[in-house]
């Protein structure tokens, strides 16, 4: 439901994002954030595995 409104805001043009920059992120920024989160989670899991093996 939230994703649909996100797409609608993106399609409605740059006026909305200029008025409220936090309401609609660019797709590239969203993908960048998603990639960052994936890397963060992966590093965290690796760190936990290494710590578990060291004990």
C-alpha atoms as a PDB file:
ATOM      1  CA  UNK A   1       0.000   0.000   0.000  1.00  0.00           C
ATOM      2  CA  UNK A   2       2.803   2.397   0.916  1.00  0.00           C
ATOM      3  CA  UNK A   3       4.816   1.287  -2.086  1.00  0.00           C
ATOM      4  CA  UNK A   4       1.973   2.195  -4.456  1.00  0.00           C
ATOM      5  CA  UNK A   5       1.793   5.727  -3.072  1.00  0.00           C
ATOM      6  CA  UNK A   6       5.585   5.884  -3.370  1.00  0.00           C
ATOM      7  CA  UNK A   7       5.350   4.988  -7.069  1.00  0.00           C
ATOM      8  CA  UNK A   8       2.499   7.460  -7.583  1.00  0.00           C
ATOM      9  CA  UNK A   9       4.569  10.218  -5.980  1.00  0.00           C
ATOM     10  CA  UNK A  10       7.529   9.333  -8.185  1.00  0.00           C
ATOM     11  CA  UNK A  11       5.357   9.330 -11.316  1.00  0.00           C
ATOM     12  CA  UNK A  12       3.700  12.639 -10.405  1.00  0.00           C
ATOM     13  CA  UNK A  13       6.986  14.414 -11.090  1.00  0.00           C
ATOM     14  CA  UNK A  14       9.685  16.359  -9.292  1.00  0.00           C
ATOM     15  CA  UNK A  15       7.254  18.968  -7.887  1.00  0.00           C
ATOM     16  CA  UNK A  16       6.174  16.685  -5.055  1.00  0.00           C
ATOM     17  CA  UNK A  17       9.719  15.631  -4.196  1.00  0.00           C
ATOM     18  CA  UNK A  18      10.783  19.292  -4.197  1.00  0.00           C
ATOM     19  CA  UNK A  19       7.989  20.208  -1.794  1.00  0.00           C
ATOM     20  CA  UNK A  20       8.653  17.245   0.472  1.00  0.00           C
ATOM     21  CA  UNK A  21      12.037  15.610  -0.213  1.00  0.00           C
ATOM     22  CA  UNK A  22      11.548  12.980   2.498  1.00  0.00           C
ATOM     23  CA  UNK A  23       8.153  11.881   1.178  1.00  0.00           C
ATOM     24  CA  UNK A  24       9.432  10.443  -2.107  1.00  0.00           C
ATOM     25  CA  UNK A  25      12.965   9.156  -2.492  1.00  0.00           C
ATOM     26  CA  UNK A  26      14.444   8.720  -5.944  1.00  0.00           C
ATOM     27  CA  UNK A  27      14.514   5.108  -7.109  1.00  0.00           C
ATOM     28  CA  UNK A  28      18.324   5.242  -7.262  1.00  0.00           C
ATOM     29  CA  UNK A  29      18.494   6.510  -3.677  1.00  0.00           C
ATOM     30  CA  UNK A  30      16.078   3.790  -2.589  1.00  0.00           C
ATOM     31  CA  UNK A  31      18.176   1.100  -4.307  1.00  0.00           C
ATOM     32  CA  UNK A  32      21.339   2.556  -2.759  1.00  0.00           C
ATOM     33  CA  UNK A  33      19.746   2.435   0.693  1.00  0.00           C
ATOM     34  CA  UNK A  34      18.553  -1.132   0.084  1.00  0.00           C
ATOM     35  CA  UNK A  35      22.039  -2.231  -1.025  1.00  0.00           C
ATOM     36  CA  UNK A  36      23.566  -0.546   2.027  1.00  0.00           C
ATOM     37  CA  UNK A  37      21.159  -2.386   4.328  1.00  0.00           C
ATOM     38  CA  UNK A  38      21.921  -5.729   2.655  1.00  0.00           C
ATOM     39  CA  UNK A  39      25.678  -5.172   3.022  1.00  0.00           C
ATOM     40  CA  UNK A  40      25.234  -4.121   6.653  1.00  0.00           C
ATOM     41  CA  UNK A  41      23.205  -7.243   7.481  1.00  0.00           C
ATOM     42  CA  UNK A  42      25.694  -9.492   5.649  1.00  0.00           C
ATOM     43  CA  UNK A  43      28.671  -7.998   7.498  1.00  0.00           C
ATOM     44  CA  UNK A  44      26.831  -8.380  10.797  1.00  0.00           C
ATOM     45  CA  UNK A  45      26.089 -12.057  10.085  1.00  0.00           C
ATOM     46  CA  UNK A  46      29.707 -12.697   9.068  1.00  0.00           C
ATOM     47  CA  UNK A  47      30.940 -11.016  12.263  1.00  0.00           C
ATOM     48  CA  UNK A  48      28.614 -13.175  14.353  1.00  0.00           C
ATOM     49  CA  UNK A  49      29.840 -16.318  12.571  1.00  0.00           C
ATOM     50  CA  UNK A  50      33.494 -15.384  13.135  1.00  0.00           C
ATOM     51  CA  UNK A  51      32.828 -14.641  16.802  1.00  0.00           C
ATOM     52  CA  UNK A  52      31.011 -17.950  17.216  1.00  0.00           C
ATOM     53  CA  UNK A  53      33.932 -19.880  15.695  1.00  0.00           C
ATOM     54  CA  UNK A  54      36.538 -18.076  17.790  1.00  0.00           C
ATOM     55  CA  UNK A  55      34.947 -19.110  21.084  1.00  0.00           C
END
